[in-house]
Amino acid sequence: MATEIQPLGSRVLVKRIEAEEKTAGGIVLPDNAKEKPQEALVVKLGTGGKDEDGKAIEFSVAEGDTVLISKYGGTEVKIAGEEHLILQESDILGIVRK
């Protein structure tokens, strides 16, 4: 499908980070038993938004950040055969610091 997508406004393009396939006890989970991962990598930022006074609103996240997102938020898109999500920056729950 698409080879590159530029999100518009305050939207952010992210790629989910796959969760572990084993439980703490060492049991391997089949694909249909796994939950959607909530951690994602910020791939690209949108063009930016403006407040009521017309001033540019800066993003709270940067490209390359690992973020926490809701399980079912965003719009799924495929880029070069890989699943990505486009979501509003306000749908990002937090930045993961390791």
N, C-alpha and C. Protein backbone atom coordinates (compact mmCIF):
# COMPACT_ATOMS: atom_id res chain seq x y z
N MET A 1 0.84 -1.18 0.00
CA MET A 1 0.00 0.00 0.00
C MET A 1 0.89 1.25 0.00
N ALA A 2 0.89 2.01 1.07
CA ALA A 2 1.68 3.24 1.14
C ALA A 2 3.12 2.93 1.52
N THR A 3 4.03 3.76 1.05
CA THR A 3 5.43 3.59 1.43
C THR A 3 5.84 4.59 2.49
N GLU A 4 5.14 5.73 2.56
CA GLU A 4 5.42 6.73 3.59
C GLU A 4 4.14 7.50 3.86
N ILE A 5 3.89 7.79 5.13
CA ILE A 5 2.71 8.56 5.53
C ILE A 5 3.15 9.70 6.41
N GLN A 6 2.66 10.91 6.13
CA GLN A 6 2.91 12.09 6.95
C GLN A 6 1.61 12.39 7.69
N PRO A 7 1.57 12.15 9.01
CA PRO A 7 0.36 12.48 9.76
C PRO A 7 0.10 13.99 9.72
N LEU A 8 -1.16 14.38 9.77
CA LEU A 8 -1.53 15.78 9.75
C LEU A 8 -1.95 16.25 11.14
N GLY A 9 -1.80 17.53 11.38
CA GLY A 9 -2.23 18.12 12.64
C GLY A 9 -1.50 17.53 13.82
N SER A 10 -2.23 17.25 14.88
CA SER A 10 -1.63 16.73 16.11
C SER A 10 -1.63 15.20 16.16
N ARG A 11 -1.67 14.58 14.99
CA ARG A 11 -1.64 13.11 14.94
C ARG A 11 -0.21 12.60 14.97
N VAL A 12 -0.07 11.35 15.40
CA VAL A 12 1.24 10.71 15.55
C VAL A 12 1.16 9.32 14.91
N LEU A 13 2.20 8.95 14.17
CA LEU A 13 2.30 7.62 13.58
C LEU A 13 3.16 6.78 14.50
N VAL A 14 2.62 5.65 14.96
CA VAL A 14 3.35 4.77 15.88
C VAL A 14 3.32 3.34 15.35
N LYS A 15 4.26 2.53 15.84
CA LYS A 15 4.30 1.10 15.54
C LYS A 15 4.29 0.36 16.87
N ARG A 16 3.32 -0.54 17.02
CA ARG A 16 3.23 -1.31 18.27
C ARG A 16 4.49 -2.14 18.49
N ILE A 17 4.92 -2.22 19.74
CA ILE A 17 6.05 -3.06 20.12
C ILE A 17 5.46 -4.38 20.59
N GLU A 18 5.84 -5.46 19.93
CA GLU A 18 5.26 -6.77 20.24
C GLU A 18 5.55 -7.18 21.67
N ALA A 19 4.52 -7.74 22.31
CA ALA A 19 4.64 -8.21 23.69
C ALA A 19 5.34 -9.56 23.73
N GLU A 20 5.77 -9.93 24.91
CA GLU A 20 6.40 -11.24 25.11
C GLU A 20 5.44 -12.35 24.74
N GLU A 21 5.94 -13.43 24.15
CA GLU A 21 5.11 -14.55 23.76
C GLU A 21 5.03 -15.61 24.85
N LYS A 22 5.76 -15.42 25.95
CA LYS A 22 5.73 -16.38 27.05
C LYS A 22 5.23 -15.70 28.32
N THR A 23 4.55 -16.46 29.15
CA THR A 23 4.13 -15.95 30.45
C THR A 23 5.32 -16.04 31.41
N ALA A 24 5.16 -15.49 32.60
CA ALA A 24 6.23 -15.54 33.60
C ALA A 24 6.57 -16.99 33.96
N GLY A 25 5.60 -17.89 33.84
CA GLY A 25 5.82 -19.30 34.15
C GLY A 25 6.43 -20.08 33.00
N GLY A 26 6.66 -19.41 31.85
CA GLY A 26 7.30 -20.08 30.72
C GLY A 26 6.33 -20.69 29.72
N ILE A 27 5.03 -20.40 29.85
CA ILE A 27 4.04 -20.94 28.92
C ILE A 27 4.01 -20.06 27.67
N VAL A 28 4.10 -20.69 26.50
CA VAL A 28 4.06 -19.97 25.23
C VAL A 28 2.59 -19.71 24.88
N LEU A 29 2.27 -18.44 24.57
CA LEU A 29 0.90 -18.07 24.25
C LEU A 29 0.66 -18.14 22.74
N PRO A 30 -0.47 -18.72 22.32
CA PRO A 30 -0.82 -18.69 20.90
C PRO A 30 -1.26 -17.28 20.51
N ASP A 31 -1.24 -16.97 19.21
CA ASP A 31 -1.58 -15.63 18.73
C ASP A 31 -2.96 -15.16 19.19
N ASN A 32 -3.94 -16.05 19.20
CA ASN A 32 -5.30 -15.64 19.55
C ASN A 32 -5.47 -15.40 21.05
N ALA A 33 -4.51 -15.77 21.89
CA ALA A 33 -4.60 -15.55 23.33
C ALA A 33 -3.85 -14.29 23.77
N LYS A 34 -3.09 -13.71 22.85
CA LYS A 34 -2.30 -12.52 23.20
C LYS A 34 -3.18 -11.28 23.21
N GLU A 35 -2.86 -10.37 24.12
CA GLU A 35 -3.52 -9.07 24.12
C GLU A 35 -2.76 -8.15 23.18
N LYS A 36 -3.46 -7.11 22.70
CA LYS A 36 -2.78 -6.13 21.88
C LYS A 36 -1.75 -5.41 22.73
N PRO A 37 -0.54 -5.22 22.22
CA PRO A 37 0.48 -4.52 23.01
C PRO A 37 0.08 -3.06 23.22
N GLN A 38 0.44 -2.53 24.39
CA GLN A 38 0.12 -1.15 24.70
C GLN A 38 1.33 -0.24 24.54
N GLU A 39 2.50 -0.81 24.33
CA GLU A 39 3.69 0.00 24.09
C GLU A 39 3.88 0.15 22.59
N ALA A 40 4.29 1.37 22.19
CA ALA A 40 4.51 1.64 20.78
C ALA A 40 5.68 2.58 20.61
N LEU A 41 6.28 2.54 19.44
CA LEU A 41 7.40 3.39 19.10
C LEU A 41 6.88 4.52 18.21
N VAL A 42 7.20 5.76 18.56
CA VAL A 42 6.79 6.91 17.75
C VAL A 42 7.66 6.94 16.49
N VAL A 43 7.01 6.81 15.33
CA VAL A 43 7.71 6.77 14.06
C VAL A 43 7.78 8.16 13.42
N LYS A 44 6.65 8.88 13.45
CA LYS A 44 6.61 10.19 12.80
C LYS A 44 5.57 11.07 13.48
N LEU A 45 5.89 12.35 13.60
CA LEU A 45 4.98 13.33 14.18
C LEU A 45 4.21 14.03 13.08
N GLY A 46 3.03 14.52 13.43
CA GLY A 46 2.20 15.25 12.47
C GLY A 46 2.76 16.63 12.17
N THR A 47 1.99 17.38 11.41
CA THR A 47 2.41 18.71 11.00
C THR A 47 2.23 19.75 12.10
N GLY A 48 1.54 19.39 13.18
CA GLY A 48 1.37 20.29 14.32
C GLY A 48 0.00 20.93 14.32
N GLY A 49 -0.40 21.35 15.51
CA GLY A 49 -1.69 21.99 15.66
C GLY A 49 -1.51 23.43 16.11
N LYS A 50 -2.62 24.15 16.20
CA LYS A 50 -2.59 25.54 16.67
C LYS A 50 -3.65 25.72 17.74
N ASP A 51 -3.34 26.58 18.73
CA ASP A 51 -4.32 26.86 19.77
C ASP A 51 -5.30 27.93 19.28
N GLU A 52 -6.19 28.40 20.17
CA GLU A 52 -7.20 29.38 19.77
C GLU A 52 -6.60 30.71 19.32
N ASP A 53 -5.39 31.03 19.80
CA ASP A 53 -4.74 32.28 19.42
C ASP A 53 -3.88 32.14 18.16
N GLY A 54 -3.84 30.95 17.59
CA GLY A 54 -3.06 30.74 16.38
C GLY A 54 -1.61 30.37 16.63
N LYS A 55 -1.23 30.19 17.90
CA LYS A 55 0.15 29.81 18.22
C LYS A 55 0.32 28.30 18.04
N ALA A 56 1.49 27.92 17.56
CA ALA A 56 1.78 26.50 17.34
C ALA A 56 1.85 25.76 18.67
N ILE A 57 1.26 24.57 18.71
CA ILE A 57 1.31 23.71 19.90
C ILE A 57 2.44 22.72 19.68
N GLU A 58 3.38 22.66 20.63
CA GLU A 58 4.50 21.72 20.51
C GLU A 58 4.08 20.33 20.96
N PHE A 59 4.68 19.32 20.33
CA PHE A 59 4.42 17.94 20.70
C PHE A 59 5.11 17.61 22.02
N SER A 60 4.48 16.76 22.83
CA SER A 60 5.07 16.30 24.10
C SER A 60 5.95 15.08 23.89
N VAL A 61 5.84 14.45 22.72
CA VAL A 61 6.63 13.26 22.40
C VAL A 61 7.53 13.59 21.22
N ALA A 62 8.55 12.76 21.02
CA ALA A 62 9.47 12.94 19.91
C ALA A 62 9.59 11.63 19.14
N GLU A 63 10.05 11.71 17.90
CA GLU A 63 10.28 10.50 17.13
C GLU A 63 11.30 9.64 17.86
N GLY A 64 11.03 8.34 17.94
CA GLY A 64 11.92 7.42 18.64
C GLY A 64 11.51 7.14 20.07
N ASP A 65 10.57 7.93 20.63
CA ASP A 65 10.09 7.68 22.00
C ASP A 65 9.28 6.40 22.06
N THR A 66 9.37 5.70 23.17
CA THR A 66 8.48 4.57 23.45
C THR A 66 7.34 5.11 24.29
N VAL A 67 6.10 4.89 23.84
CA VAL A 67 4.95 5.45 24.51
C VAL A 67 3.94 4.37 24.88
N LEU A 68 3.07 4.72 25.79
CA LEU A 68 1.98 3.84 26.23
C LEU A 68 0.70 4.33 25.57
N ILE A 69 0.01 3.44 24.85
CA ILE A 69 -1.23 3.81 24.16
C ILE A 69 -2.36 2.89 24.62
N SER A 70 -3.59 3.30 24.35
CA SER A 70 -4.72 2.44 24.70
C SER A 70 -4.75 1.24 23.76
N LYS A 71 -5.33 0.15 24.21
CA LYS A 71 -5.32 -1.09 23.44
C LYS A 71 -6.05 -0.97 22.11
N TYR A 72 -7.13 -0.21 22.09
CA TYR A 72 -7.97 -0.20 20.90
C TYR A 72 -8.08 1.18 20.26
N GLY A 73 -7.15 2.09 20.57
CA GLY A 73 -7.19 3.43 20.01
C GLY A 73 -6.51 3.51 18.65
N GLY A 74 -6.75 4.60 17.94
CA GLY A 74 -6.06 4.86 16.69
C GLY A 74 -6.67 4.17 15.49
N THR A 75 -6.11 4.50 14.34
CA THR A 75 -6.53 3.91 13.07
C THR A 75 -5.37 3.09 12.52
N GLU A 76 -5.63 1.83 12.22
CA GLU A 76 -4.58 0.95 11.72
C GLU A 76 -4.31 1.22 10.25
N VAL A 77 -3.02 1.28 9.89
CA VAL A 77 -2.60 1.43 8.49
C VAL A 77 -1.42 0.50 8.25
N LYS A 78 -1.26 0.09 7.00
CA LYS A 78 -0.11 -0.76 6.63
C LYS A 78 0.86 0.08 5.82
N ILE A 79 2.14 0.02 6.24
CA ILE A 79 3.19 0.70 5.50
C ILE A 79 4.25 -0.35 5.19
N ALA A 80 4.48 -0.59 3.92
CA ALA A 80 5.45 -1.59 3.46
C ALA A 80 5.19 -2.95 4.13
N GLY A 81 3.91 -3.31 4.26
CA GLY A 81 3.54 -4.60 4.82
C GLY A 81 3.55 -4.69 6.33
N GLU A 82 3.89 -3.60 7.04
CA GLU A 82 3.92 -3.61 8.51
C GLU A 82 2.78 -2.79 9.07
N GLU A 83 2.19 -3.29 10.16
CA GLU A 83 1.08 -2.60 10.81
C GLU A 83 1.56 -1.39 11.60
N HIS A 84 0.91 -0.25 11.43
CA HIS A 84 1.17 0.97 12.17
C HIS A 84 -0.17 1.54 12.64
N LEU A 85 -0.12 2.52 13.51
CA LEU A 85 -1.32 3.22 13.96
C LEU A 85 -1.13 4.71 13.80
N ILE A 86 -2.20 5.40 13.43
CA ILE A 86 -2.22 6.86 13.47
C ILE A 86 -3.21 7.23 14.55
N LEU A 87 -2.74 8.03 15.51
CA LEU A 87 -3.62 8.45 16.60
C LEU A 87 -3.33 9.88 17.00
N GLN A 88 -4.27 10.48 17.69
CA GLN A 88 -4.08 11.84 18.21
C GLN A 88 -3.04 11.81 19.31
N GLU A 89 -2.25 12.86 19.42
CA GLU A 89 -1.27 12.90 20.50
C GLU A 89 -1.96 12.79 21.86
N SER A 90 -3.16 13.33 21.96
CA SER A 90 -3.90 13.26 23.23
C SER A 90 -4.30 11.83 23.60
N ASP A 91 -4.25 10.89 22.63
CA ASP A 91 -4.55 9.48 22.91
C ASP A 91 -3.35 8.73 23.46
N ILE A 92 -2.18 9.37 23.49
CA ILE A 92 -0.99 8.77 24.10
C ILE A 92 -1.09 8.95 25.60
N LEU A 93 -0.99 7.83 26.33
CA LEU A 93 -1.19 7.87 27.78
C LEU A 93 0.06 8.29 28.53
N GLY A 94 1.24 8.02 27.99
CA GLY A 94 2.48 8.39 28.67
C GLY A 94 3.69 7.95 27.89
N ILE A 95 4.84 8.45 28.31
CA ILE A 95 6.13 8.08 27.72
C ILE A 95 6.78 7.06 28.63
N VAL A 96 7.27 5.96 28.06
CA VAL A 96 7.91 4.89 28.85
C VAL A 96 9.39 5.20 28.97
N ARG A 97 9.86 5.32 30.20
CA ARG A 97 11.28 5.56 30.48
C ARG A 97 11.86 4.26 31.05
N LYS A 98 12.96 3.80 30.48
CA LYS A 98 13.56 2.55 30.96
C LYS A 98 14.93 2.81 31.53
